[in-house]
Protein backbone atom coordinates (compact mmCIF):
# COMPACT_ATOMS: atom_id res chain seq x y z
CA MET A 1 0.34 -5.27 -30.43
CA ARG A 2 1.19 -2.08 -32.15
CA SER A 3 0.97 -0.24 -28.94
CA GLU A 4 3.34 -2.75 -27.26
CA MET A 5 5.83 -2.55 -30.20
CA ASP A 6 5.78 1.30 -29.99
CA SER A 7 6.43 1.26 -26.22
CA MET A 8 9.48 -1.04 -26.98
CA SER A 9 10.78 1.34 -29.77
CA GLU A 10 10.23 4.44 -27.59
CA ASN A 11 12.14 2.88 -24.62
CA GLN A 12 14.91 1.56 -26.91
CA VAL A 13 14.44 -1.89 -25.50
CA TRP A 14 16.70 -3.42 -28.17
CA THR A 15 18.87 -2.82 -31.28
CA LEU A 16 19.01 -4.83 -34.23
CA VAL A 17 22.53 -6.53 -34.80
CA GLU A 18 23.94 -9.39 -36.87
CA PRO A 19 23.61 -12.53 -34.75
CA PRO A 20 27.12 -13.30 -33.26
CA GLU A 21 28.75 -16.57 -34.05
CA GLY A 22 27.92 -19.44 -31.66
CA ILE A 23 25.05 -17.48 -30.05
CA LYS A 24 21.55 -18.87 -30.12
CA PRO A 25 18.97 -16.09 -29.48
CA ILE A 26 15.93 -16.81 -27.29
CA GLY A 27 12.55 -16.78 -28.85
CA CYS A 28 9.68 -14.37 -28.10
CA LYS A 29 5.95 -14.91 -27.94
CA TRP A 30 2.79 -12.70 -27.67
CA VAL A 31 0.49 -13.27 -24.57
CA PHE A 32 -2.92 -11.84 -24.86
CA LYS A 33 -5.35 -11.06 -22.14
CA LYS A 34 -8.82 -9.58 -21.96
CA LYS A 35 -9.44 -6.83 -19.45
CA THR A 36 -13.03 -6.90 -18.04
CA ASP A 37 -15.23 -4.70 -15.90
CA MET A 38 -16.92 -5.86 -12.64
CA ASP A 39 -19.84 -7.14 -14.70
CA GLY A 40 -17.62 -9.37 -16.91
CA ASN A 41 -17.81 -7.05 -20.04
CA VAL A 42 -14.74 -6.96 -22.08
CA GLN A 43 -13.27 -3.40 -21.87
CA THR A 44 -9.89 -3.67 -23.67
CA TYR A 45 -7.63 -6.37 -25.31
CA LYS A 46 -4.07 -6.38 -24.24
CA GLY A 47 -1.02 -8.05 -25.81
CA ARG A 48 2.25 -8.40 -24.08
CA LEU A 49 5.45 -9.45 -25.78
CA VAL A 50 7.48 -11.74 -23.61
CA ALA A 51 10.70 -13.77 -23.73
CA LYS A 52 10.08 -17.41 -24.56
CA VAL A 53 11.77 -18.41 -21.30
CA ALA A 54 8.28 -17.86 -19.72
CA ALA A 55 6.41 -19.21 -22.65
CA PHE A 56 8.38 -22.46 -22.81
CA HIS A 57 8.04 -23.09 -19.13
CA ASP A 58 4.23 -22.05 -19.14
CA TYR A 59 4.91 -19.37 -16.55
CA GLU A 60 1.83 -17.31 -15.62
CA ILE A 61 2.36 -13.70 -16.87
CA TRP A 62 0.48 -11.19 -14.66
CA GLN A 63 -0.33 -7.93 -16.35
CA MET A 64 -0.79 -4.72 -14.72
CA ASP A 65 -1.63 -1.11 -15.95
CA VAL A 66 2.00 -0.08 -15.51
CA LYS A 67 2.74 -0.95 -19.19
CA THR A 68 6.51 -0.37 -19.14
CA ALA A 69 7.66 -0.92 -15.63
CA PHE A 70 10.25 -3.60 -16.45
CA LEU A 71 11.54 -1.52 -19.49
CA ASN A 72 13.25 0.77 -16.96
CA GLY A 73 15.76 -1.84 -15.87
CA LYS A 74 18.94 -2.06 -17.94
CA LEU A 75 20.51 -5.40 -18.71
CA GLU A 76 24.10 -5.92 -17.72
CA GLU A 77 24.45 -9.24 -19.68
CA ASP A 78 24.33 -9.67 -23.46
CA VAL A 79 21.06 -11.12 -24.40
CA TYR A 80 19.86 -11.79 -27.92
CA MET A 81 16.16 -12.52 -28.97
CA THR A 82 14.63 -13.19 -32.25
CA GLN A 83 12.45 -10.68 -33.82
CA SER A 84 8.62 -10.89 -33.37
CA GLU A 85 6.67 -12.41 -36.31
CA GLY A 86 4.73 -9.84 -38.34
CA PHE A 87 7.10 -7.07 -37.39
CA VAL A 88 10.18 -7.99 -39.41
CA THR A 89 11.16 -5.64 -42.28
CA PRO A 90 12.80 -7.29 -45.39
CA GLU A 91 15.98 -5.26 -45.09
CA ASN A 92 16.43 -6.53 -41.39
CA ALA A 93 15.37 -10.03 -41.91
CA ARG A 94 18.66 -11.57 -40.87
CA THR A 95 19.19 -9.62 -37.74
CA VAL A 96 18.21 -10.33 -34.09
CA CYS A 97 17.41 -8.06 -31.26
CA LYS A 98 20.28 -7.42 -28.73
CA LEU A 99 18.25 -6.48 -25.54
CA GLN A 100 19.28 -3.22 -23.89
CA ARG A 101 16.53 -3.41 -21.32
CA SER A 102 14.82 -6.17 -19.48
CA ILE A 103 11.30 -7.44 -20.74
CA TYR A 104 8.69 -9.73 -19.29
CA GLY A 105 9.81 -13.30 -19.10
CA LEU A 106 13.40 -12.86 -18.59
CA LYS A 107 14.98 -14.13 -15.40
CA GLN A 108 16.78 -10.96 -14.99
CA ALA A 109 13.74 -8.68 -15.45
CA SER A 110 12.71 -8.22 -11.84
CA ARG A 111 16.30 -7.91 -10.50
CA SER A 112 17.15 -5.15 -13.27
CA TRP A 113 14.06 -3.22 -12.19
CA ASN A 114 14.84 -3.52 -8.52
CA LEU A 115 18.41 -2.31 -9.11
CA HIS A 116 17.14 0.65 -11.25
CA PHE A 117 14.66 1.61 -8.55
CA ASN A 118 17.33 1.50 -5.75
CA GLU A 119 19.53 3.71 -7.89
CA GLU A 120 16.85 6.26 -8.41
CA MET A 121 15.80 6.23 -4.59
CA CYS A 122 19.42 6.16 -3.05
CA PRO A 123 21.56 9.33 -3.06
CA SER A 124 23.30 9.88 -6.43
CA THR A 125 25.53 12.74 -5.69
CA PRO A 126 28.14 13.47 -2.96
CA GLN A 127 26.30 16.55 -1.87
CA GLU A 128 23.01 14.50 -1.42
CA ARG A 129 24.92 11.90 0.61
CA GLU A 130 26.52 14.56 2.70
CA ARG A 131 22.88 16.27 3.30
CA MET A 132 21.40 12.90 4.14
CA SER A 133 24.22 12.06 6.68
CA GLN A 134 23.09 14.91 8.71
CA ILE A 135 19.51 13.63 8.95
CA PRO A 136 18.53 11.28 11.91
CA TYR A 137 17.03 8.67 9.61
CA ALA A 138 17.90 5.61 11.75
CA SER A 139 16.67 7.41 15.00
CA ALA A 140 13.31 8.28 13.17
CA ILE A 141 13.00 4.58 12.13
CA GLY A 142 13.61 3.49 15.75
CA SER A 143 10.96 5.84 17.01
CA ILE A 144 8.46 4.63 14.47
CA MET A 145 9.22 1.07 15.50
CA TYR A 146 8.44 1.79 19.06
CA ALA A 147 5.05 3.35 18.00
CA MET A 148 4.44 0.35 15.74
CA ILE A 149 4.80 -2.09 18.65
CA CYS A 150 2.68 -0.09 21.08
CA THR A 151 -0.07 1.57 19.18
CA ARG A 152 0.40 1.44 15.28
CA PRO A 153 -0.22 -1.96 13.91
CA ASP A 154 -0.73 -0.41 10.43
CA LEU A 155 2.99 0.34 10.11
CA PRO A 156 4.93 -3.10 9.99
CA TYR A 157 5.11 -3.54 6.31
CA ALA A 158 5.97 0.08 5.35
CA LEU A 159 8.59 0.12 8.19
CA SER A 160 10.18 -2.91 7.20
CA MET A 161 10.74 -1.48 3.58
CA THR A 162 12.14 1.83 4.73
CA SER A 163 14.44 0.30 7.37
CA ARG A 164 16.39 -1.56 4.70
CA TYR A 165 18.01 1.70 3.56
CA GLN A 166 19.34 2.93 6.91
CA ALA A 167 22.88 2.64 5.80
CA ASN A 168 22.18 4.69 2.52
CA PRO A 169 18.88 6.42 2.70
CA GLY A 170 17.68 8.97 0.07
CA GLU A 171 15.36 11.74 -0.14
CA GLY A 172 12.47 9.63 -1.08
CA HIS A 173 13.05 7.32 1.76
CA TRP A 174 13.08 10.40 4.22
CA THR A 175 9.92 11.80 2.78
CA ALA A 176 8.25 8.49 3.45
CA VAL A 177 9.37 8.39 6.97
CA LYS A 178 8.33 12.00 7.66
CA CYS A 179 4.80 11.21 6.41
CA TRP A 180 4.30 8.89 9.50
CA SER A 181 6.42 10.67 12.08
CA GLU A 182 4.96 14.21 11.48
CA GLU A 183 1.37 12.89 11.41
CA GLU A 184 -0.54 14.06 14.60
CA LEU A 185 -1.86 11.02 16.58
CA CYS A 186 -5.53 11.49 17.62
CA ILE A 187 -8.05 9.24 19.10
CA LYS A 188 -11.69 8.82 18.02
CA GLY A 189 -14.41 6.86 19.54
CA TYR A 190 -17.37 5.21 17.82
CA THR A 191 -20.39 3.99 19.68
CA ASP A 192 -23.63 2.02 18.71
CA ALA A 193 -26.45 -0.02 20.19
CA SER A 194 -29.00 -2.74 19.14
CA PHE A 195 -32.37 -2.22 20.61
CA GLN A 196 -33.87 -5.18 22.64
CA THR A 197 -31.90 -7.82 20.74
CA GLU A 198 -32.27 -10.32 23.69
CA LYS A 199 -35.56 -12.11 23.36
CA ASP A 200 -35.56 -13.41 26.96
CA ASP A 201 -35.13 -10.35 28.93
CA SER A 202 -35.55 -7.61 26.26
CA ARG A 203 -32.31 -5.93 26.88
CA SER A 204 -30.21 -4.10 24.26
CA GLN A 205 -26.61 -4.65 23.11
CA SER A 206 -24.11 -1.88 23.54
CA GLY A 207 -20.85 -1.61 21.63
CA PHE A 208 -17.93 0.91 21.15
CA VAL A 209 -14.54 1.05 19.57
CA PHE A 210 -11.68 3.65 19.98
CA CYS A 211 -9.07 4.13 17.20
CA LEU A 212 -5.70 5.85 17.23
CA ASN A 213 -5.11 7.11 13.69
CA GLY A 214 -7.42 4.32 12.26
CA ALA A 215 -6.02 1.49 14.33
CA ALA A 216 -8.48 -0.06 17.00
CA ILE A 217 -6.90 0.10 20.53
CA SER A 218 -9.94 -0.50 22.58
CA TRP A 219 -13.33 -2.10 21.93
CA LYS A 220 -16.20 -3.82 23.67
CA SER A 221 -19.64 -5.35 22.97
CA SER A 222 -21.97 -6.38 25.85
CA LYS A 223 -25.64 -6.65 26.95
CA GLN A 224 -26.79 -3.57 28.79
CA ASP A 225 -27.52 -3.88 32.56
CA ILE A 226 -31.04 -2.24 32.41
CA VAL A 227 -33.91 -2.44 29.95
CA ALA A 228 -34.12 0.48 27.58
CA ASP A 229 -37.64 1.60 26.49
CA SER A 230 -36.62 3.11 23.30
CA THR A 231 -33.83 3.25 20.70
CA THR A 232 -32.76 6.64 22.02
CA GLU A 233 -32.42 5.39 25.43
CA ALA A 234 -30.46 2.40 24.33
CA GLU A 235 -28.05 4.53 22.30
CA TYR A 236 -27.72 6.96 25.15
CA ILE A 237 -26.71 4.15 27.55
CA ALA A 238 -24.17 2.80 25.00
CA ALA A 239 -22.77 6.34 24.62
CA SER A 240 -22.54 6.66 28.37
CA GLU A 241 -20.61 3.46 28.66
CA ALA A 242 -18.21 4.62 25.87
CA ALA A 243 -17.78 8.01 27.56
CA LYS A 244 -16.53 6.18 30.65
CA GLU A 245 -13.92 4.30 28.46
CA ALA A 246 -12.89 7.55 26.73
CA PHE A 247 -12.38 9.10 30.24
CA TRP A 248 -10.10 6.22 31.16
CA ILE A 249 -8.09 6.27 27.83
CA LYS A 250 -7.65 10.04 28.17
CA LYS A 251 -6.22 9.58 31.68
CA PHE A 252 -3.94 6.65 30.76
CA ILE A 253 -2.53 8.14 27.55
CA THR A 254 -2.03 11.61 29.48
CA GLY A 255 0.37 9.67 31.82
CA LEU A 256 2.32 8.27 28.95
CA GLY A 257 3.03 11.66 27.44
CA VAL A 258 3.38 10.54 24.01
CA ILE A 259 0.26 12.09 22.31
CA PRO A 260 0.03 16.02 22.74
CA SER A 261 -3.50 16.03 21.28
CA ILE A 262 -4.85 14.00 24.20
CA ALA A 263 -5.18 17.23 26.26
CA ASP A 264 -8.10 18.10 23.91
CA ALA A 265 -11.56 16.34 24.31
CA VAL A 266 -11.81 12.95 22.81
CA ASP A 267 -14.18 12.82 19.94
CA LEU A 268 -17.05 10.16 20.38
CA TYR A 269 -19.31 9.52 17.52
CA CYS A 270 -23.04 8.36 17.84
CA ASP A 271 -25.44 7.70 15.02
CA ASN A 272 -28.57 8.57 16.99
CA ASN A 273 -29.78 12.17 16.85
CA GLY A 274 -32.05 11.67 20.00
CA ALA A 275 -29.19 10.25 22.12
CA ILE A 276 -26.95 13.19 20.91
CA ALA A 277 -29.65 15.82 21.89
CA GLN A 278 -30.09 14.05 25.28
CA ALA A 279 -26.49 14.13 26.03
CA LYS A 280 -26.32 17.85 25.26
CA GLU A 281 -29.23 18.60 27.68
CA HIS A 282 -27.47 19.17 31.03
CA ARG A 283 -30.84 18.70 32.94
CA SER A 284 -30.73 15.01 31.77
CA HIS A 285 -27.56 14.42 33.75
């Protein structure tokens, strides 16, 4: 509780004033929570001072390690709150808290934080606006959107967030966009086999997956056509099938002309040392 009150004081969340005539201040309440580890043992006890708007309606208050996130949002309205019990000094017993910043439990808390966040991210000076007007932000968003539809299913959420600021992007937004657009696209393949999993005909199972920057673009799992006599042979057959797929992907993407690194060899990973050694031995082919 003392740590929470110190945070309130350091961030100048409120000032003590005489209650204006006709104004009824809202109440406040402490919400306590135990933070446990993965075994259920209590690590720390946390206390959060919240406006009684949330406490009265029995809203669920979620706590995070970002202790003062909402305290960054400044209030535009005049909001008065009673002092917390146990922290009232005799000389200020008749005063109330005039909130300067939002706290947990207020209806304005999330909106105030979002407005403050947008102000920090968007251009704040004419020079910055002029510099950002020369940057092809909207064009970069469009290019990434094309990549998202074709080969990058991991981008939709991040792209939806950055595309909201096309009319007034800031340096932070442009940095986020460059992190995706400047990343070199590369393809990696992974292969594996299960030895004689079929009880009826003693055949093994082959499987492979090819990923483009972590997103799966091609995969297959099927029973092998011949009976393998060892795990090395089963893994070698699976790697052989994956190599055929890698050759087809390489030829297809080369025709698209969108991934310069496709001119290099496609990495294919196998977890069997015997199959890897067999693949490196030219007399085996």
